[in-house]
C-alpha atoms as a PDB file:
ATOM      1  CA  UNK A   1     175.942 126.457 166.202  1.00  0.00           C
ATOM      2  CA  UNK A   2     177.754 126.071 169.504  1.00  0.00           C
ATOM      3  CA  UNK A   3     180.811 123.768 169.682  1.00  0.00           C
ATOM      4  CA  UNK A   4     181.893 121.646 172.652  1.00  0.00           C
ATOM      5  CA  UNK A   5     184.572 118.989 173.049  1.00  0.00           C
ATOM      6  CA  UNK A   6     184.491 115.781 175.042  1.00  0.00           C
ATOM      7  CA  UNK A   7     187.500 115.534 177.425  1.00  0.00           C
ATOM      8  CA  UNK A   8     188.500 112.333 175.601  1.00  0.00           C
ATOM      9  CA  UNK A   9     188.498 114.235 172.316  1.00  0.00           C
ATOM     10  CA  UNK A  10     190.899 116.816 173.759  1.00  0.00           C
ATOM     11  CA  UNK A  11     193.228 114.002 174.946  1.00  0.00           C
ATOM     12  CA  UNK A  12     193.134 112.370 171.509  1.00  0.00           C
ATOM     13  CA  UNK A  13     193.812 115.694 169.791  1.00  0.00           C
ATOM     14  CA  UNK A  14     196.796 116.440 172.051  1.00  0.00           C
ATOM     15  CA  UNK A  15     198.341 113.086 171.082  1.00  0.00           C
ATOM     16  CA  UNK A  16     198.273 113.918 167.370  1.00  0.00           C
ATOM     17  CA  UNK A  17     201.184 115.565 165.611  1.00  0.00           C
ATOM     18  CA  UNK A  18     201.325 119.316 165.065  1.00  0.00           C
ATOM     19  CA  UNK A  19     200.244 119.048 161.410  1.00  0.00           C
ATOM     20  CA  UNK A  20     196.989 117.327 162.395  1.00  0.00           C
ATOM     21  CA  UNK A  21     196.289 119.824 165.198  1.00  0.00           C
ATOM     22  CA  UNK A  22     196.861 122.783 162.865  1.00  0.00           C
ATOM     23  CA  UNK A  23     194.636 121.249 160.227  1.00  0.00           C
ATOM     24  CA  UNK A  24     191.894 120.644 162.808  1.00  0.00           C
ATOM     25  CA  UNK A  25     192.068 124.283 163.944  1.00  0.00           C
ATOM     26  CA  UNK A  26     191.685 125.464 160.331  1.00  0.00           C
ATOM     27  CA  UNK A  27     188.775 123.099 159.709  1.00  0.00           C
ATOM     28  CA  UNK A  28     186.972 124.024 162.926  1.00  0.00           C
ATOM     29  CA  UNK A  29     187.215 127.677 161.895  1.00  0.00           C
ATOM     30  CA  UNK A  30     185.503 126.786 158.603  1.00  0.00           C
ATOM     31  CA  UNK A  31     182.972 124.653 160.531  1.00  0.00           C
ATOM     32  CA  UNK A  32     182.030 127.616 162.746  1.00  0.00           C
ATOM     33  CA  UNK A  33     181.244 129.750 159.707  1.00  0.00           C
ATOM     34  CA  UNK A  34     179.501 127.015 157.697  1.00  0.00           C
ATOM     35  CA  UNK A  35     179.241 123.409 158.970  1.00  0.00           C
ATOM     36  CA  UNK A  36     178.250 122.289 155.474  1.00  0.00           C
ATOM     37  CA  UNK A  37     181.171 123.846 153.596  1.00  0.00           C
ATOM     38  CA  UNK A  38     182.234 121.339 150.920  1.00  0.00           C
ATOM     39  CA  UNK A  39     185.854 121.360 152.156  1.00  0.00           C
ATOM     40  CA  UNK A  40     184.680 119.591 155.330  1.00  0.00           C
ATOM     41  CA  UNK A  41     182.845 116.780 153.532  1.00  0.00           C
ATOM     42  CA  UNK A  42     180.421 116.796 156.467  1.00  0.00           C
ATOM     43  CA  UNK A  43     178.175 113.750 156.426  1.00  0.00           C
ATOM     44  CA  UNK A  44     175.999 111.576 158.650  1.00  0.00           C
ATOM     45  CA  UNK A  45     177.350 108.176 159.674  1.00  0.00           C
ATOM     46  CA  UNK A  46     175.587 104.823 159.688  1.00  0.00           C
ATOM     47  CA  UNK A  47     175.866 101.475 161.439  1.00  0.00           C
ATOM     48  CA  UNK A  48     177.643 101.551 164.792  1.00  0.00           C
ATOM     49  CA  UNK A  49     178.244 105.315 164.370  1.00  0.00           C
ATOM     50  CA  UNK A  50     174.589 106.138 163.666  1.00  0.00           C
ATOM     51  CA  UNK A  51     173.710 109.506 165.207  1.00  0.00           C
ATOM     52  CA  UNK A  52     177.212 110.903 164.618  1.00  0.00           C
ATOM     53  CA  UNK A  53     178.503 113.129 161.857  1.00  0.00           C
ATOM     54  CA  UNK A  54     182.014 113.264 160.419  1.00  0.00           C
ATOM     55  CA  UNK A  55     184.160 116.066 159.030  1.00  0.00           C
ATOM     56  CA  UNK A  56     187.472 115.686 157.227  1.00  0.00           C
ATOM     57  CA  UNK A  57     190.494 117.051 159.067  1.00  0.00           C
ATOM     58  CA  UNK A  58     192.964 115.804 156.426  1.00  0.00           C
ATOM     59  CA  UNK A  59     192.700 113.253 153.635  1.00  0.00           C
ATOM     60  CA  UNK A  60     192.903 110.446 156.229  1.00  0.00           C
ATOM     61  CA  UNK A  61     191.907 112.050 159.557  1.00  0.00           C
ATOM     62  CA  UNK A  62     188.301 112.549 160.673  1.00  0.00           C
ATOM     63  CA  UNK A  63     186.601 114.335 163.577  1.00  0.00           C
ATOM     64  CA  UNK A  64     183.277 112.900 164.744  1.00  0.00           C
ATOM     65  CA  UNK A  65     180.557 114.805 166.529  1.00  0.00           C
ATOM     66  CA  UNK A  66     176.956 114.542 167.644  1.00  0.00           C
ATOM     67  CA  UNK A  67     174.395 117.281 167.150  1.00  0.00           C
ATOM     68  CA  UNK A  68     172.662 117.964 170.453  1.00  0.00           C
ATOM     69  CA  UNK A  69     169.557 120.135 170.433  1.00  0.00           C
ATOM     70  CA  UNK A  70     169.228 122.060 173.708  1.00  0.00           C
ATOM     71  CA  UNK A  71     166.638 124.774 174.159  1.00  0.00           C
ATOM     72  CA  UNK A  72     166.348 125.404 170.420  1.00  0.00           C
ATOM     73  CA  UNK A  73     170.145 125.725 170.042  1.00  0.00           C
ATOM     74  CA  UNK A  74     172.214 123.058 168.325  1.00  0.00           C
ATOM     75  CA  UNK A  75     175.544 122.061 169.862  1.00  0.00           C
ATOM     76  CA  UNK A  76     178.179 120.163 167.900  1.00  0.00           C
ATOM     77  CA  UNK A  77     179.700 117.883 170.545  1.00  0.00           C
ATOM     78  CA  UNK A  78     183.002 116.525 169.210  1.00  0.00           C
ATOM     79  CA  UNK A  79     183.792 113.109 170.672  1.00  0.00           C
ATOM     80  CA  UNK A  80     186.370 111.334 168.486  1.00  0.00           C
ATOM     81  CA  UNK A  81     189.311 112.186 166.247  1.00  0.00           C
ATOM     82  CA  UNK A  82     191.437 109.674 164.411  1.00  0.00           C
ATOM     83  CA  UNK A  83     192.379 108.159 161.106  1.00  0.00           C
ATOM     84  CA  UNK A  84     189.757 106.662 158.877  1.00  0.00           C
ATOM     85  CA  UNK A  85     191.055 103.189 159.771  1.00  0.00           C
ATOM     86  CA  UNK A  86     191.112 103.930 163.543  1.00  0.00           C
ATOM     87  CA  UNK A  87     187.495 105.073 163.517  1.00  0.00           C
ATOM     88  CA  UNK A  88     185.878 102.805 160.968  1.00  0.00           C
ATOM     89  CA  UNK A  89     188.211  99.798 160.862  1.00  0.00           C
ATOM     90  CA  UNK A  90     188.838  99.988 157.098  1.00  0.00           C
END
């Protein structure tokens, strides 16, 4: 699976503290090897986030992405990163 990042995602990530950035780097490494590794808690979202998937960065932080199928290759396009409350409102 190929991975790409929305420019807004990069801006959001740069605004996080070092601990969050380091955790994201570790989790994206796991994601590259196995997107369904249990440590990621990868799952499809519903409601206003339908079509997106979420992985855990920390206990409270999430990274959201869309799976885009291009020419028989799937790309994970990361678009949002934030706390559970920031993203879902609860």
